[in-house]
Amino acid sequence: MMSPISDDDIQAFADRQLPADRRAAVEQALAADPALAARVRDIERQNAWLRDGLDALLTEPPPQRLVDAARMPRGPRRAWQWLAASSVAALATLVLGFGGGWYWRDAQLEIAGMPTTFARQAAFTHALYASDVNRPVEMWAPEEKRLVTWLSKRLDYPLHAPDLNSMGYSLVGGRLVAGNERPTALFMYENAAKQRLTLQARKQPPGTEETAFRYAVEDGIGVYYWIDDRCAYALSGQLDKAQLLAIGRLVYAQLNTPEPPK
């Protein structure tokens, strides 16, 4: 008897790593279940994004510090062990740095003292979660108060989810997203046409209190971002500039209006 289709089967199918004896069963299940087929397409799309971010790294030469370390007179065995450990550490950084190539590269730039691209990270994160059909958020809108309290505690910064109903977008929920040394809070919104927006917030280190508004387009995703009161915000979505900026102004106004006492 054929065993049920598991999450591992779905992931391996999307990664093109599923053994031939299971592939036919998964293909049959996909043909019978449109939701399951959509899930596979989402995974394949995410894999493509990761390849776009990582493939360029494969052709880069190794960092000079590793080359220099390999030449140090530490004995062949010790040098090899050190280089292997460094490679494992680099791989761990790559795997743990959410978002694949973009986040890994930004972490390296940050270590080198160069500015990271918050807009690009925000766009990638939006694309990753806005396309998730089954679980785009960790906590849903009915738990808004608990969600905001949890995210505020994790960021050590008071947050609230703006009300975008006047713009046709209702709150879906939110989640915590890994960032470069600092966690990021994500609030997701959706309109009647199932088009999604995300608002991401990340606490900034001291010295970045000034407000600066910017607009960028990353892989077709518009990002309106700014820094205010030691918190960086990014509003992302597949909208034109005028629409996104209009929503961004509403978000900014609400974030800068004290909430009434409850």
Protein backbone atom coordinates (compact mmCIF):
# COMPACT_ATOMS: atom_id res chain seq x y z
CA MET A 1 0.00 0.00 0.00
CA MET A 2 1.36 3.44 -0.93
CA SER A 3 2.07 5.64 2.12
CA PRO A 4 0.35 9.07 2.34
CA ILE A 5 2.00 12.09 0.76
CA SER A 6 4.10 13.84 3.42
CA ASP A 7 5.58 17.35 3.72
CA ASP A 8 8.99 15.80 3.02
CA ASP A 9 7.63 14.35 -0.23
CA ILE A 10 6.29 17.77 -1.28
CA GLN A 11 9.54 19.55 -0.49
CA ALA A 12 11.65 16.90 -2.24
CA PHE A 13 9.35 17.04 -5.27
CA ALA A 14 9.71 20.82 -5.53
CA ASP A 15 13.49 20.47 -5.11
CA ARG A 16 13.54 17.77 -7.83
CA GLN A 17 15.09 15.35 -5.36
CA LEU A 18 12.19 12.93 -4.96
CA PRO A 19 12.94 9.28 -5.86
CA ALA A 20 11.22 8.04 -9.01
CA ASP A 21 9.09 5.51 -7.12
CA ARG A 22 7.44 8.34 -5.14
CA ARG A 23 7.28 10.96 -7.87
CA ALA A 24 4.33 9.38 -9.70
CA ALA A 25 2.29 9.28 -6.48
CA VAL A 26 2.98 12.95 -5.78
CA GLU A 27 2.13 13.96 -9.35
CA GLN A 28 -1.18 12.13 -9.02
CA ALA A 29 -1.91 13.91 -5.73
CA LEU A 30 -1.08 17.30 -7.27
CA ALA A 31 -3.41 16.68 -10.18
CA ALA A 32 -6.24 15.96 -7.76
CA ASP A 33 -5.55 18.79 -5.29
CA PRO A 34 -5.17 22.36 -6.68
CA ALA A 35 -4.19 23.73 -3.25
CA LEU A 36 -1.36 21.22 -2.99
CA ALA A 37 -0.23 22.08 -6.52
CA ALA A 38 -0.22 25.79 -5.60
CA ARG A 39 1.92 25.01 -2.56
CA VAL A 40 4.49 23.25 -4.76
CA ARG A 41 4.57 26.23 -7.13
CA ASP A 42 5.21 28.54 -4.18
CA ILE A 43 8.14 26.41 -3.03
CA GLU A 44 9.55 26.32 -6.57
CA ARG A 45 9.21 30.12 -6.80
CA GLN A 46 11.05 30.54 -3.50
CA ASN A 47 13.79 28.20 -4.73
CA ALA A 48 14.19 30.39 -7.81
CA TRP A 49 14.55 33.50 -5.64
CA LEU A 50 17.22 31.78 -3.56
CA ARG A 51 19.10 30.69 -6.68
CA ASP A 52 19.03 34.25 -7.98
CA GLY A 53 20.59 35.43 -4.75
CA LEU A 54 23.14 32.64 -4.33
CA ASP A 55 24.35 31.60 -7.77
CA ALA A 56 26.53 34.67 -8.16
CA LEU A 57 28.35 33.78 -4.94
CA LEU A 58 29.48 30.43 -6.34
CA THR A 59 31.79 32.07 -8.88
CA GLU A 60 33.41 34.47 -6.43
CA PRO A 61 37.00 33.78 -5.29
CA PRO A 62 37.48 32.75 -1.64
CA PRO A 63 38.03 35.62 0.81
CA GLN A 64 41.66 36.68 1.01
CA ARG A 65 41.73 36.06 4.76
CA LEU A 66 41.06 32.36 4.14
CA VAL A 67 43.74 32.20 1.45
CA ASP A 68 46.23 33.90 3.78
CA ALA A 69 45.29 31.57 6.64
CA ALA A 70 45.90 28.54 4.45
CA ARG A 71 49.42 29.81 3.76
CA MET A 72 50.32 30.35 7.40
CA PRO A 73 53.04 27.98 8.74
CA ARG A 74 50.80 26.21 11.18
CA GLY A 75 51.39 22.70 9.90
CA PRO A 76 49.33 21.14 7.14
CA ARG A 77 46.89 19.41 9.44
CA ARG A 78 46.17 22.43 11.63
CA ALA A 79 45.80 24.75 8.66
CA TRP A 80 43.38 22.35 7.00
CA GLN A 81 41.35 22.02 10.20
CA TRP A 82 41.16 25.79 10.64
CA LEU A 83 40.13 26.30 7.03
CA ALA A 84 37.51 23.56 7.29
CA ALA A 85 36.12 25.08 10.48
CA SER A 86 35.97 28.48 8.80
CA SER A 87 34.12 26.97 5.85
CA VAL A 88 31.62 25.32 8.18
CA ALA A 89 31.10 28.62 10.01
CA ALA A 90 30.55 30.42 6.70
CA LEU A 91 28.06 27.76 5.63
CA ALA A 92 26.23 28.07 8.95
CA THR A 93 26.03 31.82 8.46
CA LEU A 94 24.62 31.25 4.99
CA VAL A 95 21.99 28.78 6.17
CA LEU A 96 20.95 30.69 9.28
CA GLY A 97 20.89 34.05 7.54
CA PHE A 98 17.25 34.16 6.48
CA GLY A 99 16.63 34.87 2.86
CA GLY A 100 19.63 33.11 1.35
CA GLY A 101 22.02 35.13 -0.75
CA TRP A 102 20.65 38.60 -0.02
CA TYR A 103 20.86 38.23 3.74
CA TRP A 104 24.23 36.48 3.66
CA ARG A 105 25.70 39.18 1.45
CA ASP A 106 24.25 41.97 3.57
CA ALA A 107 25.73 40.40 6.69
CA GLN A 108 29.17 40.41 5.07
CA LEU A 109 28.75 44.07 4.09
CA GLU A 110 27.73 44.91 7.62
CA ILE A 111 30.82 43.21 9.04
CA ALA A 112 32.94 45.18 6.58
CA GLY A 113 31.41 48.44 7.83
CA MET A 114 29.30 49.06 4.73
CA PRO A 115 25.57 49.85 4.90
CA THR A 116 23.09 47.03 4.32
CA THR A 117 20.15 47.34 1.94
CA PHE A 118 17.07 47.29 4.13
CA ALA A 119 14.81 47.86 1.14
CA ARG A 120 16.12 44.79 -0.65
CA GLN A 121 15.73 42.63 2.44
CA ALA A 122 12.20 43.95 2.93
CA ALA A 123 11.26 43.16 -0.68
CA PHE A 124 12.63 39.63 -0.44
CA THR A 125 10.84 39.00 2.85
CA HIS A 126 7.60 40.35 1.40
CA ALA A 127 7.88 38.11 -1.66
CA LEU A 128 8.61 35.08 0.50
CA TYR A 129 5.69 35.41 2.89
CA ALA A 130 3.07 37.24 0.78
CA SER A 131 3.06 34.27 -1.60
CA ASP A 132 2.53 31.73 1.18
CA VAL A 133 -0.99 30.41 0.77
CA ASN A 134 -1.28 28.34 3.93
CA ARG A 135 0.69 30.16 6.62
CA PRO A 136 1.87 33.63 5.66
CA VAL A 137 1.92 34.74 9.32
CA GLU A 138 2.59 33.20 12.72
CA MET A 139 -0.28 34.92 14.51
CA TRP A 140 -3.54 35.96 12.86
CA ALA A 141 -5.53 39.20 13.04
CA PRO A 142 -7.98 38.03 15.76
CA GLU A 143 -4.95 37.89 18.08
CA GLU A 144 -3.77 41.40 17.15
CA LYS A 145 -3.26 42.59 20.73
CA ARG A 146 -1.24 39.52 21.66
CA LEU A 147 0.71 39.76 18.37
CA VAL A 148 1.68 43.41 18.94
CA THR A 149 2.68 42.72 22.56
CA TRP A 150 4.82 39.77 21.52
CA LEU A 151 6.58 41.60 18.69
CA SER A 152 7.14 44.70 20.84
CA LYS A 153 8.78 42.54 23.47
CA ARG A 154 11.00 40.77 20.95
CA LEU A 155 12.15 44.05 19.38
CA ASP A 156 12.31 45.85 22.74
CA TYR A 157 10.41 48.67 21.08
CA PRO A 158 6.74 49.71 21.32
CA LEU A 159 4.87 48.74 18.14
CA HIS A 160 1.32 48.77 16.89
CA ALA A 161 -0.35 47.57 13.70
CA PRO A 162 -1.70 50.51 11.66
CA ASP A 163 -5.33 50.37 10.53
CA LEU A 164 -5.38 50.37 6.71
CA ASN A 165 -9.07 49.58 6.25
CA SER A 166 -9.66 53.06 4.80
CA MET A 167 -7.25 52.11 1.99
CA GLY A 168 -9.02 48.78 1.41
CA TYR A 169 -6.47 46.61 3.27
CA SER A 170 -7.29 44.59 6.37
CA LEU A 171 -4.80 43.04 8.77
CA VAL A 172 -3.98 39.38 8.10
CA GLY A 173 -1.59 38.97 11.02
CA GLY A 174 2.12 39.08 11.65
CA ARG A 175 5.32 37.26 12.41
CA LEU A 176 8.88 37.68 13.61
CA VAL A 177 11.52 37.64 10.86
CA ALA A 178 15.24 37.10 11.30
CA GLY A 179 17.44 40.03 10.31
CA ASN A 180 21.09 41.05 10.35
CA GLU A 181 21.79 40.92 14.09
CA ARG A 182 18.39 42.50 14.77
CA PRO A 183 14.96 40.86 14.62
CA THR A 184 12.28 42.34 12.37
CA ALA A 185 8.54 42.50 12.99
CA LEU A 186 6.28 41.92 9.99
CA PHE A 187 2.60 42.91 9.73
CA MET A 188 0.70 41.63 6.69
CA TYR A 189 -2.38 43.21 5.08
CA GLU A 190 -4.69 42.02 2.29
CA ASN A 191 -7.38 43.64 0.12
CA ALA A 192 -10.52 42.14 -1.39
CA ALA A 193 -8.56 41.06 -4.47
CA LYS A 194 -6.16 39.07 -2.21
CA GLN A 195 -3.34 41.50 -2.97
CA ARG A 196 -1.00 41.73 -0.01
CA LEU A 197 1.11 44.43 1.63
CA THR A 198 3.66 44.02 4.38
CA LEU A 199 4.91 46.52 6.92
CA GLN A 200 8.23 45.58 8.48
CA ALA A 201 9.78 47.26 11.52
CA ARG A 202 13.31 46.90 12.86
CA LYS A 203 14.82 48.67 15.85
CA GLN A 204 17.90 50.67 14.89
CA PRO A 205 21.10 51.18 16.92
CA PRO A 206 21.72 54.56 18.61
CA GLY A 207 22.65 57.35 16.23
CA THR A 208 20.00 56.62 13.59
CA GLU A 209 17.08 58.61 15.02
CA GLU A 210 16.71 60.97 12.05
CA THR A 211 13.79 60.53 9.66
CA ALA A 212 14.60 59.74 6.02
CA PHE A 213 12.01 58.69 3.42
CA ARG A 214 13.07 56.58 0.46
CA TYR A 215 11.40 54.66 -2.37
CA ALA A 216 12.90 51.69 -4.21
CA VAL A 217 11.80 48.90 -6.55
CA GLU A 218 13.34 45.48 -6.01
CA ASP A 219 12.44 42.72 -8.49
CA GLY A 220 9.07 44.31 -9.23
CA ILE A 221 8.21 44.97 -5.58
CA GLY A 222 7.87 48.57 -4.48
CA VAL A 223 9.33 49.49 -1.10
CA TYR A 224 8.63 52.72 0.77
CA TYR A 225 10.98 52.90 3.76
CA TRP A 226 12.08 55.34 6.42
CA ILE A 227 13.73 55.64 9.83
CA ASP A 228 11.89 57.31 12.67
CA ASP A 229 12.58 57.37 16.40
CA ARG A 230 15.19 54.60 16.29
CA CYS A 231 12.99 52.27 14.25
CA ALA A 232 13.29 51.49 10.54
CA TYR A 233 10.05 50.79 8.67
CA ALA A 234 9.49 49.31 5.22
CA LEU A 235 6.13 49.11 3.44
CA SER A 236 6.29 46.64 0.55
CA GLY A 237 3.89 45.55 -2.18
CA GLN A 238 3.33 45.15 -5.89
CA LEU A 239 1.69 48.56 -6.25
CA ASP A 240 2.61 51.60 -8.26
CA LYS A 241 4.59 54.34 -6.55
CA ALA A 242 1.64 56.71 -6.01
CA GLN A 243 -0.51 54.04 -4.34
CA LEU A 244 2.30 52.79 -2.12
CA LEU A 245 3.28 56.29 -1.05
CA ALA A 246 -0.33 57.15 -0.21
CA ILE A 247 -0.56 54.11 2.05
CA GLY A 248 2.89 54.90 3.44
CA ARG A 249 1.78 58.39 4.46
CA LEU A 250 -1.21 56.90 6.28
CA VAL A 251 1.05 54.41 8.07
CA TYR A 252 3.48 57.17 9.04
CA ALA A 253 0.69 59.37 10.36
CA GLN A 254 -0.75 56.57 12.50
CA LEU A 255 2.65 55.54 13.85
CA ASN A 256 3.23 59.13 14.96
CA THR A 257 -0.18 59.59 16.58
CA PRO A 258 -0.33 58.49 20.22
CA GLU A 259 -2.81 55.69 20.76
CA PRO A 260 -5.74 56.59 23.00
CA PRO A 261 -5.65 55.08 26.49
CA LYS A 262 -7.48 51.79 26.81
